[in-house]
């Protein structure tokens, strides 16, 4: 059977990864596809050595790894091997397609998605993209011309993609973020925290955030004195130093990665977060007041674009990465001490929530696949 001919069984490849912001939406869409088409076969393709190689199997899906890397903007010397990796990934992708014979390919971004979708396009296989950010990534911009459809997390993406191909879906979020049975009291109990204190959730993204972590570490005494308790996801970098810093503080729960984010959001009165697209989507859906600290080295500064869409509507607050250590505590305390500020943000941020993005994307893929 040639690669561009329809199969009797629906077979879909989902490509991309690198961060939780790509991986968790991909899993959400896979689950939505299987809910609509229980007999569908789904195969993930990601970059060897990246977190998708661990997270995808944990979610119950098969994944194939390819030898691919992104362009290193900080150390150009490390790009010497990039052409070789691209060539090798092409042959790896060709072998995967020959074996799996997909009817459609869905890309969630990240450099591992590019060779997979590009190969599919050369074979006439329907390709679908999802762009989660308010400023499109290079890979998706290059692939959009020949894509079947482009799903976007926000409106106003015509500057990046052909208008006729855009379907505004919002960003798929993990189902357990909203589908849970926690009350605030039972959520706080999950982290061994008190019902009588205000609670702040700190998330720097799946890879952590050094500036935020240092600001939290430097102000642990103030948090204790002000009777504010913390749920602190640090990421893996320097995690041992954060564990040591939090020792003896009964008001601090600290972990490198929080699997039970539904409880974490439910327990929180306010969130401090990077503004990756998926973090923004989850915070909007849970309706939490938030201080965003955009990662300053994100491609095309897309995290600032993501945050400002909310900040401009008074739905969130923002601090620059370089000023977080100095301004985090006064900004946070000012918000927590004002019920009107918190309520205003909570009410306005909910307007940015998209529900059922995963189902919308799944339906479009099923409708437009070679099946």
Protein backbone atom coordinates (compact mmCIF):
# COMPACT_ATOMS: atom_id res chain seq x y z
CA UNK A 1 0.00 0.00 0.00
CA UNK A 2 1.43 3.42 -0.94
CA UNK A 3 1.71 6.07 1.72
CA UNK A 4 -0.88 8.41 0.24
CA UNK A 5 -3.64 5.82 -0.04
CA UNK A 6 -6.38 5.54 2.57
CA UNK A 7 -6.27 2.69 5.09
CA UNK A 8 -9.25 0.68 6.29
CA UNK A 9 -8.32 1.43 9.88
CA UNK A 10 -7.95 5.00 11.09
CA UNK A 11 -4.26 5.48 11.90
CA UNK A 12 -2.99 8.82 13.17
CA UNK A 13 0.49 10.02 13.96
CA UNK A 14 0.84 12.81 16.51
CA UNK A 15 4.18 14.61 16.34
CA UNK A 16 5.95 17.14 18.52
CA UNK A 17 7.00 17.72 22.09
CA UNK A 18 9.93 19.09 24.03
CA UNK A 19 7.87 20.67 26.82
CA UNK A 20 4.68 19.96 28.71
CA UNK A 21 3.07 22.75 26.70
CA UNK A 22 3.28 20.55 23.62
CA UNK A 23 2.94 17.12 25.22
CA UNK A 24 -0.17 17.52 27.38
CA UNK A 25 -2.34 19.04 24.59
CA UNK A 26 -1.22 16.22 22.31
CA UNK A 27 -2.35 13.65 24.86
CA UNK A 28 -5.67 15.48 25.31
CA UNK A 29 -6.35 15.35 21.56
CA UNK A 30 -5.34 11.68 21.38
CA UNK A 31 -7.84 10.88 24.12
CA UNK A 32 -10.55 12.88 22.35
CA UNK A 33 -9.88 11.04 19.08
CA UNK A 34 -10.17 7.68 20.79
CA UNK A 35 -13.39 8.73 22.53
CA UNK A 36 -14.90 9.46 19.11
CA UNK A 37 -13.20 6.59 17.26
CA UNK A 38 -12.37 3.85 19.78
CA UNK A 39 -10.68 1.62 17.20
CA UNK A 40 -8.29 4.32 15.98
CA UNK A 41 -4.59 3.52 16.20
CA UNK A 42 -2.45 6.39 17.44
CA UNK A 43 1.32 6.63 17.35
CA UNK A 44 3.34 9.51 18.78
CA UNK A 45 6.66 10.65 17.30
CA UNK A 46 9.01 12.79 19.38
CA UNK A 47 12.65 13.71 19.89
CA UNK A 48 14.93 11.17 21.52
CA UNK A 49 16.04 12.30 24.96
CA UNK A 50 13.17 14.75 25.47
CA UNK A 51 10.43 14.54 28.06
CA UNK A 52 7.83 13.18 25.64
CA UNK A 53 9.73 9.88 25.62
CA UNK A 54 8.75 9.50 29.29
CA UNK A 55 5.38 11.27 29.51
CA UNK A 56 3.68 9.74 26.46
CA UNK A 57 4.15 6.07 27.53
CA UNK A 58 2.94 7.03 31.03
CA UNK A 59 -0.28 8.22 29.37
CA UNK A 60 -0.64 4.81 27.72
CA UNK A 61 0.48 5.59 24.16
CA UNK A 62 3.27 4.23 21.99
CA UNK A 63 5.97 6.64 20.85
CA UNK A 64 8.82 6.46 18.37
CA UNK A 65 11.85 8.67 18.91
CA UNK A 66 13.77 10.41 16.13
CA UNK A 67 17.21 12.01 16.15
CA UNK A 68 16.39 15.67 15.83
CA UNK A 69 17.33 18.93 17.53
CA UNK A 70 16.25 22.53 17.27
CA UNK A 71 18.38 25.48 16.18
CA UNK A 72 20.48 26.65 19.12
CA UNK A 73 20.29 30.43 19.32
CA UNK A 74 22.69 30.81 22.24
CA UNK A 75 25.55 28.61 21.01
CA UNK A 76 25.90 28.48 17.24
CA UNK A 77 28.72 25.93 17.50
CA UNK A 78 26.21 23.35 18.68
CA UNK A 79 24.36 23.65 15.33
CA UNK A 80 27.19 22.00 13.40
CA UNK A 81 25.55 18.58 13.69
CA UNK A 82 22.06 19.86 12.84
CA UNK A 83 22.14 19.06 9.08
CA UNK A 84 23.20 15.48 9.86
CA UNK A 85 20.41 15.11 12.40
CA UNK A 86 17.86 16.42 9.89
CA UNK A 87 18.98 13.94 7.26
CA UNK A 88 18.95 11.08 9.74
CA UNK A 89 15.51 12.06 11.01
CA UNK A 90 14.18 11.97 7.44
CA UNK A 91 15.11 8.30 7.07
CA UNK A 92 13.74 7.51 10.53
CA UNK A 93 10.44 9.20 9.68
CA UNK A 94 10.24 7.38 6.34
CA UNK A 95 10.66 4.05 8.14
CA UNK A 96 7.98 4.93 10.70
CA UNK A 97 5.50 5.90 7.96
CA UNK A 98 6.22 2.75 5.95
CA UNK A 99 5.49 0.62 8.99
CA UNK A 100 2.53 2.53 10.47
CA UNK A 101 0.89 3.87 7.28
CA UNK A 102 -1.02 6.84 8.80
CA UNK A 103 -4.22 8.32 7.38
CA UNK A 104 -3.45 11.68 8.97
CA UNK A 105 -0.71 13.46 10.89
CA UNK A 106 -1.26 16.00 13.65
CA UNK A 107 1.55 18.31 14.77
CA UNK A 108 1.55 20.11 18.10
CA UNK A 109 4.75 22.12 17.59
CA UNK A 110 8.31 21.64 18.71
CA UNK A 111 11.14 20.89 16.33
CA UNK A 112 10.38 17.15 16.20
CA UNK A 113 7.08 17.91 14.47
CA UNK A 114 8.68 19.48 11.38
CA UNK A 115 10.27 16.45 9.64
CA UNK A 116 7.21 14.32 10.39
CA UNK A 117 4.65 16.70 8.93
CA UNK A 118 6.90 17.72 6.05
CA UNK A 119 7.27 14.08 5.03
CA UNK A 120 3.51 13.55 5.29
CA UNK A 121 2.88 16.55 3.05
CA UNK A 122 5.20 15.20 0.36
CA UNK A 123 3.15 12.00 0.37
CA UNK A 124 -0.24 13.68 0.14
CA UNK A 125 -1.29 12.65 3.65
CA UNK A 126 -3.58 15.17 5.38
CA UNK A 127 -1.66 17.22 7.95
CA UNK A 128 -3.08 19.25 10.80
CA UNK A 129 -1.24 21.82 12.90
CA UNK A 130 -1.96 23.27 16.28
CA UNK A 131 -0.42 26.63 17.19
CA UNK A 132 -0.91 27.30 20.87
CA UNK A 133 0.85 30.66 21.13
CA UNK A 134 -0.24 34.16 20.15
CA UNK A 135 2.95 34.42 18.06
CA UNK A 136 3.42 31.48 15.70
CA UNK A 137 6.48 29.24 15.81
CA UNK A 138 8.74 28.87 12.78
CA UNK A 139 7.98 25.20 12.14
CA UNK A 140 4.22 25.77 12.01
CA UNK A 141 4.62 28.87 9.84
CA UNK A 142 6.65 26.89 7.31
CA UNK A 143 4.24 23.95 7.32
CA UNK A 144 0.98 25.90 7.18
CA UNK A 145 0.89 26.51 3.40
CA UNK A 146 0.50 22.81 2.67
CA UNK A 147 -1.45 21.86 5.78
CA UNK A 148 -5.04 20.68 5.63
CA UNK A 149 -6.07 22.81 8.62
CA UNK A 150 -4.38 25.01 11.20
CA UNK A 151 -5.89 25.04 14.68
CA UNK A 152 -5.05 28.10 16.76
CA UNK A 153 -5.25 28.88 20.45
CA UNK A 154 -6.17 32.52 19.86
CA UNK A 155 -7.87 34.73 17.30
CA UNK A 156 -6.00 37.08 14.98
CA UNK A 157 -3.48 34.58 13.59
CA UNK A 158 -4.02 35.51 9.92
CA UNK A 159 -0.64 37.23 9.83
CA UNK A 160 0.99 33.81 10.24
CA UNK A 161 -1.31 31.36 8.46
CA UNK A 162 -3.62 31.23 5.41
CA UNK A 163 -6.94 32.57 6.69
CA UNK A 164 -8.97 29.90 4.92
CA UNK A 165 -7.16 27.14 6.83
CA UNK A 166 -7.48 28.60 10.33
CA UNK A 167 -9.88 27.07 12.84
CA UNK A 168 -9.84 28.88 16.20
CA UNK A 169 -10.18 26.10 18.77
CA UNK A 170 -8.36 27.34 21.84
CA UNK A 171 -5.75 25.16 23.52
CA UNK A 172 -6.53 21.61 24.66
CA UNK A 173 -5.89 21.16 28.35
CA UNK A 174 -5.52 18.07 30.48
CA UNK A 175 -8.95 16.68 31.35
CA UNK A 176 -8.10 16.22 35.00
CA UNK A 177 -7.59 19.98 35.34
CA UNK A 178 -11.33 20.54 35.20
CA UNK A 179 -12.80 17.05 35.68
CA UNK A 180 -12.19 16.45 39.38
CA UNK A 181 -14.08 16.18 42.64
CA UNK A 182 -11.89 18.35 44.86
CA UNK A 183 -13.16 21.03 47.13
CA UNK A 184 -10.64 23.65 48.23
CA UNK A 185 -10.41 21.91 51.62
CA UNK A 186 -9.70 18.46 50.17
CA UNK A 187 -7.26 19.94 47.64
CA UNK A 188 -5.28 21.66 50.38
CA UNK A 189 -5.21 18.40 52.31
CA UNK A 190 -3.43 16.77 49.34
CA UNK A 191 -0.47 19.07 50.02
CA UNK A 192 -0.65 19.04 53.82
CA UNK A 193 -1.64 22.71 53.97
CA UNK A 194 -4.06 24.70 56.11
CA UNK A 195 -7.57 25.83 55.18
CA UNK A 196 -7.13 29.07 57.11
CA UNK A 197 -4.25 30.59 55.10
CA UNK A 198 -4.12 32.13 51.62
CA UNK A 199 -2.40 29.83 49.15
CA UNK A 200 -0.18 30.70 46.19
CA UNK A 201 0.69 28.19 43.46
CA UNK A 202 4.07 28.69 41.78
CA UNK A 203 4.61 26.98 38.42
CA UNK A 204 7.53 27.77 36.17
CA UNK A 205 6.46 25.41 33.43
CA UNK A 206 7.45 21.77 33.03
CA UNK A 207 11.14 22.73 32.84
CA UNK A 208 11.11 25.15 35.78
CA UNK A 209 11.94 28.88 35.97
CA UNK A 210 15.12 30.02 37.67
CA UNK A 211 14.13 33.67 38.21
CA UNK A 212 10.80 32.77 39.81
CA UNK A 213 12.36 30.05 41.94
CA UNK A 214 15.08 32.38 43.22
CA UNK A 215 12.51 35.06 44.07
CA UNK A 216 10.46 32.52 46.02
CA UNK A 217 13.55 31.15 47.77
CA UNK A 218 14.70 34.66 48.74
CA UNK A 219 11.32 35.52 50.24
CA UNK A 220 10.39 32.36 52.17
CA UNK A 221 10.65 34.20 55.48
CA UNK A 222 8.24 36.89 54.24
CA UNK A 223 5.74 34.30 53.09
CA UNK A 224 5.88 32.71 56.55
CA UNK A 225 5.55 36.05 58.35
CA UNK A 226 2.61 37.11 56.16
CA UNK A 227 0.90 33.74 56.74
CA UNK A 228 0.90 32.85 53.04
CA UNK A 229 1.36 29.22 52.12
CA UNK A 230 2.93 27.92 48.94
CA UNK A 231 2.52 25.05 46.52
CA UNK A 232 5.85 25.31 44.73
CA UNK A 233 6.69 23.39 41.58
CA UNK A 234 10.38 24.02 40.96
CA UNK A 235 11.31 21.96 37.91
CA UNK A 236 14.40 19.76 38.04
CA UNK A 237 17.12 22.41 37.86
CA UNK A 238 18.68 23.07 41.29
CA UNK A 239 15.77 21.30 42.94
CA UNK A 240 17.86 20.09 45.90
CA UNK A 241 18.66 23.68 46.88
CA UNK A 242 14.95 24.55 46.93
CA UNK A 243 14.14 21.50 49.04
CA UNK A 244 16.81 22.57 51.54
CA UNK A 245 15.57 26.17 51.58
CA UNK A 246 12.00 25.05 52.34
CA UNK A 247 12.97 22.73 55.19
CA UNK A 248 11.27 23.73 58.41
CA UNK A 249 8.60 25.84 56.71
CA UNK A 250 5.23 24.26 57.47
CA UNK A 251 3.59 26.66 55.02
CA UNK A 252 5.50 25.36 51.97
CA UNK A 253 4.88 22.29 49.82
CA UNK A 254 7.72 21.89 47.32
CA UNK A 255 8.24 19.40 44.51
CA UNK A 256 10.12 19.33 41.23
CA UNK A 257 6.96 18.31 39.35
CA UNK A 258 3.33 18.22 40.44
CA UNK A 259 1.34 15.46 38.77
CA UNK A 260 -1.90 16.38 40.54
CA UNK A 261 -2.35 19.83 39.03
CA UNK A 262 -6.14 19.69 39.39
CA UNK A 263 -5.71 19.75 43.16
CA UNK A 264 -2.99 22.40 42.94
CA UNK A 265 -5.19 24.80 40.97
CA UNK A 266 -8.19 24.07 43.18
CA UNK A 267 -6.18 24.85 46.32
CA UNK A 268 -4.74 28.13 45.03
CA UNK A 269 -6.03 31.64 45.67
CA UNK A 270 -3.47 33.00 43.20
CA UNK A 271 -0.94 31.66 40.72
CA UNK A 272 2.56 32.81 39.77
CA UNK A 273 3.49 31.34 36.41
CA UNK A 274 5.41 31.54 33.18
CA UNK A 275 3.08 32.38 30.30
CA UNK A 276 3.53 29.46 27.97
CA UNK A 277 0.36 28.87 26.00
CA UNK A 278 -0.78 25.83 27.92
CA UNK A 279 -0.15 27.37 31.33
CA UNK A 280 -2.24 30.36 30.22
CA UNK A 281 -5.00 28.07 28.92
CA UNK A 282 -5.15 26.10 32.17
CA UNK A 283 -5.19 29.21 34.33
CA UNK A 284 -7.97 30.75 32.21
CA UNK A 285 -10.04 27.58 32.44
CA UNK A 286 -9.62 27.31 36.20
CA UNK A 287 -10.37 31.04 36.57
CA UNK A 288 -7.43 31.84 38.82
CA UNK A 289 -5.94 35.27 39.47
CA UNK A 290 -2.39 35.25 38.18
CA UNK A 291 0.93 37.05 37.96
CA UNK A 292 2.67 36.09 34.73
CA UNK A 293 6.46 36.21 34.41
CA UNK A 294 7.16 35.56 30.69
CA UNK A 295 10.26 33.58 29.84
CA UNK A 296 12.44 36.26 28.18
CA UNK A 297 14.23 33.92 25.78
CA UNK A 298 11.17 32.27 24.27
CA UNK A 299 11.19 32.33 20.47
CA UNK A 300 9.84 35.65 19.15
CA UNK A 301 9.09 36.54 22.79
CA UNK A 302 5.81 34.67 22.39
CA UNK A 303 5.26 34.32 26.15
CA UNK A 304 4.94 38.09 26.48
CA UNK A 305 2.37 38.11 23.66
CA UNK A 306 0.44 35.34 25.45
CA UNK A 307 0.39 37.24 28.75
CA UNK A 308 -0.38 40.66 27.34
CA UNK A 309 -3.56 39.42 25.68
CA UNK A 310 -4.90 39.00 29.23
CA UNK A 311 -3.07 41.88 30.93
CA UNK A 312 -4.53 44.37 28.42
CA UNK A 313 -8.00 43.31 29.54
CA UNK A 314 -7.11 43.53 33.26
CA UNK A 315 -7.47 39.75 33.52
CA UNK A 316 -3.95 39.19 34.87
CA UNK A 317 -0.80 40.93 36.10
CA UNK A 318 2.67 40.79 34.55
CA UNK A 319 6.25 41.17 35.73
CA UNK A 320 9.37 41.14 33.58
CA UNK A 321 11.78 38.32 34.28
CA UNK A 322 14.52 40.73 35.33
CA UNK A 323 12.36 42.49 37.91
CA UNK A 324 10.66 39.52 39.51
CA UNK A 325 13.02 39.29 42.49
CA UNK A 326 12.46 42.94 43.37
CA UNK A 327 8.77 43.33 42.58
CA UNK A 328 7.19 39.93 43.15
CA UNK A 329 6.43 40.30 46.85
CA UNK A 330 4.94 43.83 46.74
CA UNK A 331 2.87 42.95 43.66
CA UNK A 332 1.64 39.70 45.18
CA UNK A 333 0.87 41.20 48.60
CA UNK A 334 -1.01 44.10 47.06
CA UNK A 335 -3.22 41.67 45.17
CA UNK A 336 -3.78 39.25 48.05
CA UNK A 337 -4.70 42.09 50.40
CA UNK A 338 -7.37 43.37 48.00
CA UNK A 339 -10.41 41.16 47.50
CA UNK A 340 -11.57 43.41 44.64
CA UNK A 341 -8.31 42.92 42.68
CA UNK A 342 -8.51 39.14 43.02
CA UNK A 343 -12.22 39.00 42.14
CA UNK A 344 -11.75 41.28 39.13
CA UNK A 345 -9.02 39.10 37.67
CA UNK A 346 -10.94 35.90 38.39
CA UNK A 347 -14.03 37.20 36.62
CA UNK A 348 -12.22 38.57 33.59
CA UNK A 349 -9.82 35.70 32.98
CA UNK A 350 -12.68 33.23 32.57
CA UNK A 351 -13.68 35.03 29.37
CA UNK A 352 -10.48 33.74 27.77
CA UNK A 353 -11.26 30.08 28.51
CA UNK A 354 -11.97 27.74 25.59
CA UNK A 355 -13.87 24.59 26.49
CA UNK A 356 -13.67 21.32 24.56
CA UNK A 357 -10.76 22.39 22.33
CA UNK A 358 -9.59 18.78 22.25
CA UNK A 359 -12.97 17.53 20.99
CA UNK A 360 -13.18 20.25 18.34
CA UNK A 361 -9.73 19.37 17.01
CA UNK A 362 -10.45 15.63 17.11
CA UNK A 363 -13.68 16.06 15.13
CA UNK A 364 -11.94 18.11 12.44
CA UNK A 365 -9.12 15.58 12.10
CA UNK A 366 -11.56 12.68 11.80
CA UNK A 367 -13.70 14.56 9.27
CA UNK A 368 -10.78 15.47 7.01
CA UNK A 369 -8.56 12.36 7.18
CA UNK A 370 -7.92 9.88 4.37
CA UNK A 371 -10.28 7.36 5.91
